[in-house]
Amino acid sequence: MTTIDVTIVQTIETTAGLSTQVVRTYETGMMPQVGQKIRDRSFGHGIDRVIEDVVLDYEAGDCYVYLPIVMLNDAEKEDLRDYANEYVRHGWEWPRPL
């Protein structure tokens, strides 16, 4: 079975205009599709997120899956850091920390 690397991208924004992204990469034999649901411990118990976009990079053999933006209302920079660090605690990477 042929496998591909799938990188899940979660953007986190605040209503004040700050934003960051966390990512998690898996090797899988399944091709993700827009509309499919993803479940991850970092989302909370029993919470799924729906795939909004899938981008394939055939040259690199990579697949990027984009989830809906998480909007943090009335959040400051430190709140955004804390939220992103929750993902990191669950095995995600934070490529460009604030």
C-alpha atoms as a PDB file:
ATOM      1  CA  MET A   1       0.000   0.000   0.000  1.00  0.00           C
ATOM      2  CA  THR A   2       1.303   3.430  -0.927  1.00  0.00           C
ATOM      3  CA  THR A   3       1.377   5.979   1.869  1.00  0.00           C
ATOM      4  CA  ILE A   4       1.501   9.759   1.906  1.00  0.00           C
ATOM      5  CA  ASP A   5       2.379  12.318   4.543  1.00  0.00           C
ATOM      6  CA  VAL A   6      -0.694  14.272   5.601  1.00  0.00           C
ATOM      7  CA  THR A   7      -0.111  17.507   7.487  1.00  0.00           C
ATOM      8  CA  ILE A   8      -3.125  18.824   9.354  1.00  0.00           C
ATOM      9  CA  VAL A   9      -3.057  22.626   9.668  1.00  0.00           C
ATOM     10  CA  GLN A  10      -5.040  24.375  12.403  1.00  0.00           C
ATOM     11  CA  THR A  11      -5.117  28.175  12.348  1.00  0.00           C
ATOM     12  CA  ILE A  12      -5.914  29.942  15.611  1.00  0.00           C
ATOM     13  CA  GLU A  13      -6.920  33.613  15.559  1.00  0.00           C
ATOM     14  CA  THR A  14      -8.035  36.230  18.030  1.00  0.00           C
ATOM     15  CA  THR A  15     -10.640  38.908  17.440  1.00  0.00           C
ATOM     16  CA  ALA A  16      -7.784  41.389  18.060  1.00  0.00           C
ATOM     17  CA  GLY A  17      -6.104  40.220  14.818  1.00  0.00           C
ATOM     18  CA  LEU A  18      -3.375  37.931  16.178  1.00  0.00           C
ATOM     19  CA  SER A  19      -2.965  34.501  14.604  1.00  0.00           C
ATOM     20  CA  THR A  20      -0.771  31.422  14.539  1.00  0.00           C
ATOM     21  CA  GLN A  21      -0.845  27.873  13.187  1.00  0.00           C
ATOM     22  CA  VAL A  22      -0.185  24.476  14.686  1.00  0.00           C
ATOM     23  CA  VAL A  23       0.404  21.355  12.576  1.00  0.00           C
ATOM     24  CA  ARG A  24       0.419  17.607  12.961  1.00  0.00           C
ATOM     25  CA  THR A  25       1.788  15.184  10.365  1.00  0.00           C
ATOM     26  CA  TYR A  26       0.676  11.600   9.860  1.00  0.00           C
ATOM     27  CA  GLU A  27       1.672   8.903   7.403  1.00  0.00           C
ATOM     28  CA  THR A  28      -1.427   7.272   5.994  1.00  0.00           C
ATOM     29  CA  GLY A  29      -2.728   5.258   3.077  1.00  0.00           C
ATOM     30  CA  MET A  30      -6.027   7.162   3.040  1.00  0.00           C
ATOM     31  CA  MET A  31      -6.512  10.316   0.985  1.00  0.00           C
ATOM     32  CA  PRO A  32      -8.362  12.944   3.056  1.00  0.00           C
ATOM     33  CA  GLN A  33     -11.407  14.583   1.509  1.00  0.00           C
ATOM     34  CA  VAL A  34     -13.144  17.920   2.079  1.00  0.00           C
ATOM     35  CA  GLY A  35     -16.078  17.326   4.424  1.00  0.00           C
ATOM     36  CA  GLN A  36     -14.516  14.406   6.290  1.00  0.00           C
ATOM     37  CA  LYS A  37     -14.214  14.741  10.053  1.00  0.00           C
ATOM     38  CA  ILE A  38     -11.037  14.515  12.083  1.00  0.00           C
ATOM     39  CA  ARG A  39     -10.984  13.664  15.764  1.00  0.00           C
ATOM     40  CA  ASP A  40      -7.981  14.557  17.911  1.00  0.00           C
ATOM     41  CA  ARG A  41      -7.467  14.727  21.676  1.00  0.00           C
ATOM     42  CA  SER A  42      -6.440  18.363  21.366  1.00  0.00           C
ATOM     43  CA  PHE A  43      -9.963  19.331  20.177  1.00  0.00           C
ATOM     44  CA  GLY A  44     -11.539  17.995  23.360  1.00  0.00           C
ATOM     45  CA  HIS A  45     -13.333  14.750  24.213  1.00  0.00           C
ATOM     46  CA  GLY A  46     -15.619  13.623  21.387  1.00  0.00           C
ATOM     47  CA  ILE A  47     -15.146  16.800  19.335  1.00  0.00           C
ATOM     48  CA  ASP A  48     -14.565  16.502  15.604  1.00  0.00           C
ATOM     49  CA  ARG A  49     -13.399  19.113  13.105  1.00  0.00           C
ATOM     50  CA  VAL A  50     -14.512  19.052   9.465  1.00  0.00           C
ATOM     51  CA  ILE A  51     -11.847  19.264   6.741  1.00  0.00           C
ATOM     52  CA  GLU A  52     -12.342  22.527   4.821  1.00  0.00           C
ATOM     53  CA  ASP A  53      -9.600  22.208   2.209  1.00  0.00           C
ATOM     54  CA  VAL A  54      -7.084  19.659   0.927  1.00  0.00           C
ATOM     55  CA  VAL A  55      -3.951  20.694  -0.980  1.00  0.00           C
ATOM     56  CA  LEU A  56      -1.727  18.125  -2.681  1.00  0.00           C
ATOM     57  CA  ASP A  57       1.932  18.719  -3.462  1.00  0.00           C
ATOM     58  CA  TYR A  58       2.651  15.902  -5.886  1.00  0.00           C
ATOM     59  CA  GLU A  59       6.291  16.878  -6.342  1.00  0.00           C
ATOM     60  CA  ALA A  60       7.006  16.618  -2.632  1.00  0.00           C
ATOM     61  CA  GLY A  61       4.533  13.779  -2.037  1.00  0.00           C
ATOM     62  CA  ASP A  62       2.755  15.772   0.651  1.00  0.00           C
ATOM     63  CA  CYS A  63      -0.851  16.513   1.439  1.00  0.00           C
ATOM     64  CA  TYR A  64      -2.034  19.478   3.519  1.00  0.00           C
ATOM     65  CA  VAL A  65      -5.400  19.371   5.269  1.00  0.00           C
ATOM     66  CA  TYR A  66      -6.885  22.651   6.494  1.00  0.00           C
ATOM     67  CA  LEU A  67      -9.365  22.776   9.355  1.00  0.00           C
ATOM     68  CA  PRO A  68     -11.766  25.625  10.178  1.00  0.00           C
ATOM     69  CA  ILE A  69     -10.135  28.583  11.924  1.00  0.00           C
ATOM     70  CA  VAL A  70     -10.496  28.569  15.694  1.00  0.00           C
ATOM     71  CA  MET A  71     -11.481  32.084  16.779  1.00  0.00           C
ATOM     72  CA  LEU A  72     -10.616  33.179  20.314  1.00  0.00           C
ATOM     73  CA  ASN A  73     -12.856  36.053  21.401  1.00  0.00           C
ATOM     74  CA  ASP A  74     -11.413  38.774  23.635  1.00  0.00           C
ATOM     75  CA  ALA A  75      -8.067  36.964  23.753  1.00  0.00           C
ATOM     76  CA  GLU A  76      -4.648  38.493  24.176  1.00  0.00           C
ATOM     77  CA  LYS A  77      -1.286  37.225  22.963  1.00  0.00           C
ATOM     78  CA  GLU A  78      -0.763  35.161  26.104  1.00  0.00           C
ATOM     79  CA  ASP A  79      -4.181  33.488  25.656  1.00  0.00           C
ATOM     80  CA  LEU A  80      -3.220  32.578  22.096  1.00  0.00           C
ATOM     81  CA  ARG A  81       0.063  31.094  23.330  1.00  0.00           C
ATOM     82  CA  ASP A  82      -1.743  29.051  25.975  1.00  0.00           C
ATOM     83  CA  TYR A  83      -4.214  27.716  23.399  1.00  0.00           C
ATOM     84  CA  ALA A  84      -1.450  26.728  20.956  1.00  0.00           C
ATOM     85  CA  ASN A  85       0.531  25.086  23.758  1.00  0.00           C
ATOM     86  CA  GLU A  86      -2.468  22.834  24.476  1.00  0.00           C
ATOM     87  CA  TYR A  87      -2.040  21.417  20.971  1.00  0.00           C
ATOM     88  CA  VAL A  88       1.705  20.990  21.559  1.00  0.00           C
ATOM     89  CA  ARG A  89       0.939  19.013  24.726  1.00  0.00           C
ATOM     90  CA  HIS A  90      -1.081  16.633  22.532  1.00  0.00           C
ATOM     91  CA  GLY A  91       1.730  15.998  20.022  1.00  0.00           C
ATOM     92  CA  TRP A  92       1.229  18.868  17.566  1.00  0.00           C
ATOM     93  CA  GLU A  93       4.051  21.122  16.390  1.00  0.00           C
ATOM     94  CA  TRP A  94       4.063  24.895  16.587  1.00  0.00           C
ATOM     95  CA  PRO A  95       6.433  25.890  13.758  1.00  0.00           C
ATOM     96  CA  ARG A  96       6.421  29.647  14.462  1.00  0.00           C
ATOM     97  CA  PRO A  97       5.648  30.330  18.123  1.00  0.00           C
ATOM     98  CA  LEU A  98       4.652  33.819  19.159  1.00  0.00           C
END
